[in-house]
């Protein structure tokens, strides 16, 4: 069997990105043959990555990319387990790879993008960093005829937005996207608020209003007024523009000769149920096992 040298370990580590001990062990098990060691590590790392996939990845980043002419844009979310890793250069490089692949293949979904080569990169990164890492979601937005798509990514890459405008320019599109990032409207227009949401809010307002003991006619007016206020608060076009509260977003768009058609907003980790750790119970269980 060939002698395992430090140079061989460094070479294998450089080609795989894995730890020194893992590389040395792989070389020992494959008789010092670099290519066999790489194949061995890929098999082993795949198993380890599968185990790590059971862990909740609720941190991460969201990124956007626009076509130069503003004709289309894409959002991606890539997750990891900790905020520390979300700032790691290797993780961010993988996230940018995901973004580039998604932009290049507008028809591909997450599964298709992973099958196209990103899965190998993901597994290698899982082994290098030691956390579960996922490409969670991808969405595309195309501009209306004669319009454009604008984007905005919050500085910490936790929120990213795309908006599609019919008419208007690049600065207006970016301003509207920035507003969506800051205020998180539920819908573009009041008419778009789902009926189940209105029914839920109406039920809440009804219960609150009837506690007042006022006549039914007054109560109905109170419910109607509060519903109108709610719709205005969650509708993009009726919200006060974040950079100039004297104007609504709808007024801003009209002044710029535009109409807001659609919006997409990603927030890293939204909707993921985060595991709550009970450290006291864990310590107690460990002590009982000793």
Protein backbone atom coordinates (compact mmCIF):
# COMPACT_ATOMS: atom_id res chain seq x y z
CA UNK A 1 0.00 0.00 0.00
CA UNK A 2 1.29 3.47 -0.88
CA UNK A 3 2.43 5.65 1.98
CA UNK A 4 -0.13 8.33 2.78
CA UNK A 5 1.66 11.67 2.72
CA UNK A 6 0.57 15.09 3.89
CA UNK A 7 0.72 16.27 0.29
CA UNK A 8 -1.77 13.59 -0.79
CA UNK A 9 -4.14 14.59 1.99
CA UNK A 10 -3.87 18.27 1.01
CA UNK A 11 -4.56 17.44 -2.63
CA UNK A 12 -7.62 15.38 -1.76
CA UNK A 13 -8.87 18.06 0.59
CA UNK A 14 -8.40 20.71 -2.09
CA UNK A 15 -10.39 18.67 -4.61
CA UNK A 16 -13.24 17.72 -2.29
CA UNK A 17 -13.41 20.51 0.30
CA UNK A 18 -13.74 17.92 3.08
CA UNK A 19 -11.89 17.73 6.39
CA UNK A 20 -8.30 16.54 6.74
CA UNK A 21 -9.22 13.49 8.82
CA UNK A 22 -11.93 12.40 6.40
CA UNK A 23 -9.48 12.73 3.50
CA UNK A 24 -6.73 10.81 5.28
CA UNK A 25 -9.12 8.00 6.22
CA UNK A 26 -10.38 7.76 2.61
CA UNK A 27 -6.82 7.52 1.31
CA UNK A 28 -5.99 4.77 3.79
CA UNK A 29 -9.11 2.81 2.81
CA UNK A 30 -8.37 3.13 -0.93
CA UNK A 31 -4.65 2.41 -0.81
CA UNK A 32 -3.62 5.99 -1.49
CA UNK A 33 -5.37 6.24 -4.88
CA UNK A 34 -6.72 9.77 -5.23
CA UNK A 35 -9.50 9.04 -7.74
CA UNK A 36 -10.78 6.04 -5.78
CA UNK A 37 -10.64 8.12 -2.61
CA UNK A 38 -12.78 10.81 -4.27
CA UNK A 39 -15.36 8.21 -5.35
CA UNK A 40 -15.33 6.73 -1.85
CA UNK A 41 -15.86 10.13 -0.24
CA UNK A 42 -18.74 10.93 -2.56
CA UNK A 43 -20.48 7.73 -1.50
CA UNK A 44 -19.84 8.34 2.19
CA UNK A 45 -20.68 12.05 2.01
CA UNK A 46 -23.94 11.21 0.31
CA UNK A 47 -24.92 9.08 3.28
CA UNK A 48 -23.88 11.76 5.73
CA UNK A 49 -25.74 14.41 3.76
CA UNK A 50 -28.87 12.28 3.88
CA UNK A 51 -28.64 12.14 7.68
CA UNK A 52 -28.15 15.92 7.88
CA UNK A 53 -31.22 16.41 5.67
CA UNK A 54 -33.37 15.42 8.66
CA UNK A 55 -32.31 18.57 10.49
CA UNK A 56 -34.36 21.77 10.18
CA UNK A 57 -32.81 24.42 7.90
CA UNK A 58 -34.71 27.60 8.73
CA UNK A 59 -31.94 30.16 8.22
CA UNK A 60 -30.39 31.24 4.93
CA UNK A 61 -30.63 33.87 2.22
CA UNK A 62 -32.95 35.02 -0.55
CA UNK A 63 -31.51 36.45 -3.77
CA UNK A 64 -32.81 38.02 -6.97
CA UNK A 65 -31.61 38.58 -10.50
CA UNK A 66 -33.05 40.69 -13.32
CA UNK A 67 -32.58 40.58 -17.05
CA UNK A 68 -30.64 43.63 -18.22
CA UNK A 69 -33.70 44.97 -20.04
CA UNK A 70 -35.98 44.35 -17.04
CA UNK A 71 -38.06 41.86 -19.02
CA UNK A 72 -37.93 39.18 -16.32
CA UNK A 73 -36.56 38.33 -12.92
CA UNK A 74 -36.08 35.39 -10.57
CA UNK A 75 -36.06 34.86 -6.80
CA UNK A 76 -34.40 31.95 -4.99
CA UNK A 77 -34.26 30.91 -1.35
CA UNK A 78 -31.36 28.77 -0.09
CA UNK A 79 -31.50 27.55 3.51
CA UNK A 80 -29.09 26.38 6.18
CA UNK A 81 -29.39 25.67 9.91
CA UNK A 82 -27.67 28.68 11.49
CA UNK A 83 -27.31 32.38 10.80
CA UNK A 84 -23.53 31.94 11.16
CA UNK A 85 -23.42 29.66 8.11
CA UNK A 86 -25.80 31.99 6.24
CA UNK A 87 -22.91 34.48 6.23
CA UNK A 88 -20.26 31.94 5.20
CA UNK A 89 -18.54 32.59 1.88
CA UNK A 90 -18.89 29.00 0.67
CA UNK A 91 -22.61 28.96 1.44
CA UNK A 92 -23.15 32.31 -0.28
CA UNK A 93 -21.21 31.11 -3.33
CA UNK A 94 -23.54 28.09 -3.56
CA UNK A 95 -26.57 30.38 -3.23
CA UNK A 96 -25.24 32.46 -6.15
CA UNK A 97 -24.79 29.24 -8.15
CA UNK A 98 -28.43 28.39 -7.50
CA UNK A 99 -29.50 31.87 -8.60
CA UNK A 100 -27.46 31.68 -11.82
CA UNK A 101 -28.84 28.23 -12.64
CA UNK A 102 -32.43 29.35 -11.99
CA UNK A 103 -32.00 32.44 -14.15
CA UNK A 104 -30.52 30.37 -16.98
CA UNK A 105 -33.37 27.80 -16.85
CA UNK A 106 -36.67 29.66 -16.38
CA UNK A 107 -38.71 26.50 -16.93
CA UNK A 108 -36.88 24.40 -14.30
CA UNK A 109 -38.27 23.85 -10.82
CA UNK A 110 -36.21 23.11 -7.69
CA UNK A 111 -36.01 19.38 -8.43
CA UNK A 112 -34.92 20.03 -12.01
CA UNK A 113 -32.23 22.49 -10.97
CA UNK A 114 -30.83 20.08 -8.37
CA UNK A 115 -30.82 17.23 -10.88
CA UNK A 116 -29.00 19.51 -13.32
CA UNK A 117 -25.85 19.51 -11.20
CA UNK A 118 -26.62 21.52 -8.09
CA UNK A 119 -27.25 18.42 -5.98
CA UNK A 120 -23.62 17.34 -6.20
CA UNK A 121 -22.51 20.81 -5.14
CA UNK A 122 -25.04 20.82 -2.32
CA UNK A 123 -23.85 17.49 -0.93
CA UNK A 124 -20.20 18.58 -1.02
CA UNK A 125 -21.11 21.76 0.81
CA UNK A 126 -23.09 19.84 3.45
CA UNK A 127 -19.96 17.83 4.18
CA UNK A 128 -17.65 20.81 4.17
CA UNK A 129 -19.81 23.01 6.40
CA UNK A 130 -21.54 20.35 8.48
CA UNK A 131 -25.10 21.66 8.22
CA UNK A 132 -28.19 20.74 6.27
CA UNK A 133 -28.42 22.99 3.19
CA UNK A 134 -31.38 23.23 0.80
CA UNK A 135 -32.46 25.05 -2.32
CA UNK A 136 -35.98 25.62 -1.02
CA UNK A 137 -37.87 27.56 -3.70
CA UNK A 138 -37.57 29.38 -7.00
CA UNK A 139 -40.05 31.76 -8.64
CA UNK A 140 -39.96 33.77 -11.86
CA UNK A 141 -41.75 36.96 -12.84
CA UNK A 142 -42.12 38.36 -16.35
CA UNK A 143 -42.85 41.93 -17.32
CA UNK A 144 -46.09 43.05 -18.89
CA UNK A 145 -45.95 44.18 -22.52
CA UNK A 146 -44.26 47.58 -22.52
CA UNK A 147 -43.44 47.29 -18.82
CA UNK A 148 -40.60 46.04 -16.68
CA UNK A 149 -39.71 44.02 -13.61
CA UNK A 150 -37.96 45.69 -10.66
CA UNK A 151 -36.23 44.08 -7.72
CA UNK A 152 -35.01 44.88 -4.24
CA UNK A 153 -32.95 42.79 -1.82
CA UNK A 154 -32.65 43.90 1.79
CA UNK A 155 -29.05 44.41 2.87
CA UNK A 156 -28.85 41.26 4.98
CA UNK A 157 -30.32 39.13 2.15
CA UNK A 158 -33.22 38.03 4.33
CA UNK A 159 -35.93 39.65 2.16
CA UNK A 160 -36.09 39.85 -1.64
CA UNK A 161 -38.84 41.24 -3.86
CA UNK A 162 -39.81 41.33 -7.52
CA UNK A 163 -42.56 43.59 -8.89
CA UNK A 164 -43.96 43.76 -12.40
CA UNK A 165 -45.07 47.16 -13.72
CA UNK A 166 -47.01 48.01 -16.85
CA UNK A 167 -45.24 51.23 -17.83
CA UNK A 168 -42.92 53.23 -15.61
CA UNK A 169 -39.14 53.14 -15.33
CA UNK A 170 -36.39 51.35 -13.47
CA UNK A 171 -36.30 53.72 -10.48
CA UNK A 172 -40.05 53.52 -9.94
CA UNK A 173 -40.00 49.72 -10.13
CA UNK A 174 -37.20 49.58 -7.55
CA UNK A 175 -39.05 52.00 -5.24
CA UNK A 176 -42.19 49.87 -5.34
CA UNK A 177 -40.16 46.71 -4.71
CA UNK A 178 -38.44 48.37 -1.75
CA UNK A 179 -41.83 49.33 -0.32
CA UNK A 180 -43.05 45.72 -0.65
CA UNK A 181 -39.94 44.52 1.19
CA UNK A 182 -40.52 46.98 4.04
CA UNK A 183 -44.32 46.80 4.44
CA UNK A 184 -45.14 43.24 3.30
CA UNK A 185 -48.57 43.87 1.73
CA UNK A 186 -50.85 40.86 1.42
CA UNK A 187 -52.17 41.69 -2.07
CA UNK A 188 -51.67 44.26 -4.82
CA UNK A 189 -55.30 45.46 -4.88
CA UNK A 190 -58.08 45.45 -2.32
CA UNK A 191 -60.25 43.28 -4.56
CA UNK A 192 -57.56 40.58 -4.36
CA UNK A 193 -57.96 39.95 -0.60
CA UNK A 194 -59.16 36.32 -0.30
CA UNK A 195 -62.71 35.81 0.94
CA UNK A 196 -61.59 33.49 3.74
CA UNK A 197 -59.32 36.23 5.07
CA UNK A 198 -62.18 38.74 4.99
CA UNK A 199 -64.48 36.25 6.72
CA UNK A 200 -61.92 35.65 9.46
CA UNK A 201 -61.38 39.36 10.08
CA UNK A 202 -65.12 40.03 10.01
CA UNK A 203 -65.68 37.37 12.66
CA UNK A 204 -63.03 38.93 14.89
CA UNK A 205 -64.39 42.47 14.46
CA UNK A 206 -67.93 41.26 15.04
CA UNK A 207 -67.03 39.66 18.36
CA UNK A 208 -65.18 42.78 19.47
CA UNK A 209 -67.93 45.17 18.38
CA UNK A 210 -70.71 43.25 20.14
CA UNK A 211 -68.88 43.61 23.42
CA UNK A 212 -69.63 47.33 23.18
CA UNK A 213 -73.35 46.72 23.75
CA UNK A 214 -74.28 49.18 20.98
CA UNK A 215 -77.31 48.76 18.67
CA UNK A 216 -77.00 46.22 15.85
CA UNK A 217 -77.10 48.91 13.14
CA UNK A 218 -74.13 50.69 14.74
CA UNK A 219 -72.28 47.40 15.18
CA UNK A 220 -72.68 46.60 11.47
CA UNK A 221 -71.23 50.00 10.55
CA UNK A 222 -68.33 49.43 12.95
CA UNK A 223 -67.57 46.04 11.34
CA UNK A 224 -67.81 47.48 7.83
CA UNK A 225 -65.52 50.38 8.70
CA UNK A 226 -62.89 48.16 10.29
CA UNK A 227 -62.93 45.82 7.30
CA UNK A 228 -62.36 48.75 4.92
CA UNK A 229 -59.44 49.86 7.07
CA UNK A 230 -57.99 46.34 7.11
CA UNK A 231 -58.20 46.03 3.32
CA UNK A 232 -56.45 49.39 2.90
CA UNK A 233 -53.68 48.34 5.30
CA UNK A 234 -52.88 45.06 3.50
CA UNK A 235 -53.32 46.26 -0.11
CA UNK A 236 -50.14 47.53 -1.79
CA UNK A 237 -51.79 50.25 -3.85
CA UNK A 238 -53.60 51.73 -0.83
CA UNK A 239 -50.62 51.73 1.51
CA UNK A 240 -48.81 54.98 2.28
CA UNK A 241 -45.53 54.95 0.33
CA UNK A 242 -42.71 54.19 2.74
CA UNK A 243 -40.45 56.97 1.39
CA UNK A 244 -43.24 59.56 1.26
CA UNK A 245 -46.26 58.81 3.51
CA UNK A 246 -48.15 61.74 1.96
CA UNK A 247 -48.69 59.60 -1.14
CA UNK A 248 -50.04 56.07 -1.59
CA UNK A 249 -48.20 53.52 -3.71
CA UNK A 250 -51.07 53.65 -6.20
CA UNK A 251 -50.67 57.42 -6.55
CA UNK A 252 -46.91 57.02 -6.91
CA UNK A 253 -47.38 54.50 -9.73
CA UNK A 254 -49.93 56.64 -11.56
CA UNK A 255 -47.68 59.68 -11.33
CA UNK A 256 -44.95 57.62 -12.97
CA UNK A 257 -47.26 56.46 -15.75
CA UNK A 258 -47.35 52.89 -14.47
CA UNK A 259 -49.66 50.23 -13.10
CA UNK A 260 -48.50 47.55 -10.67
CA UNK A 261 -49.39 44.12 -12.04
CA UNK A 262 -47.83 41.54 -9.74
CA UNK A 263 -45.41 41.16 -6.83
CA UNK A 264 -43.34 38.35 -5.35
CA UNK A 265 -41.80 38.57 -1.88
CA UNK A 266 -39.47 35.99 -0.31
CA UNK A 267 -38.40 36.12 3.33
CA UNK A 268 -35.76 33.62 4.42
CA UNK A 269 -37.23 30.85 6.55
CA UNK A 270 -40.84 32.04 6.39
CA UNK A 271 -43.30 29.23 6.94
CA UNK A 272 -40.69 26.79 8.24
CA UNK A 273 -41.50 25.36 11.63
CA UNK A 274 -38.41 25.89 13.72
CA UNK A 275 -37.54 23.17 16.22
CA UNK A 276 -37.63 24.37 19.81
CA UNK A 277 -34.74 22.93 21.80
CA UNK A 278 -35.34 22.09 25.47
CA UNK A 279 -31.76 22.22 26.70
CA UNK A 280 -32.70 21.57 30.33
CA UNK A 281 -34.49 18.35 29.38
CA UNK A 282 -31.61 17.35 27.12
CA UNK A 283 -29.05 17.82 29.92
CA UNK A 284 -31.25 15.91 32.36
CA UNK A 285 -31.62 13.04 29.91
CA UNK A 286 -27.85 12.94 29.36
CA UNK A 287 -27.22 12.90 33.11
CA UNK A 288 -29.68 10.05 33.57
CA UNK A 289 -27.95 8.02 30.87
CA UNK A 290 -24.51 8.35 32.50
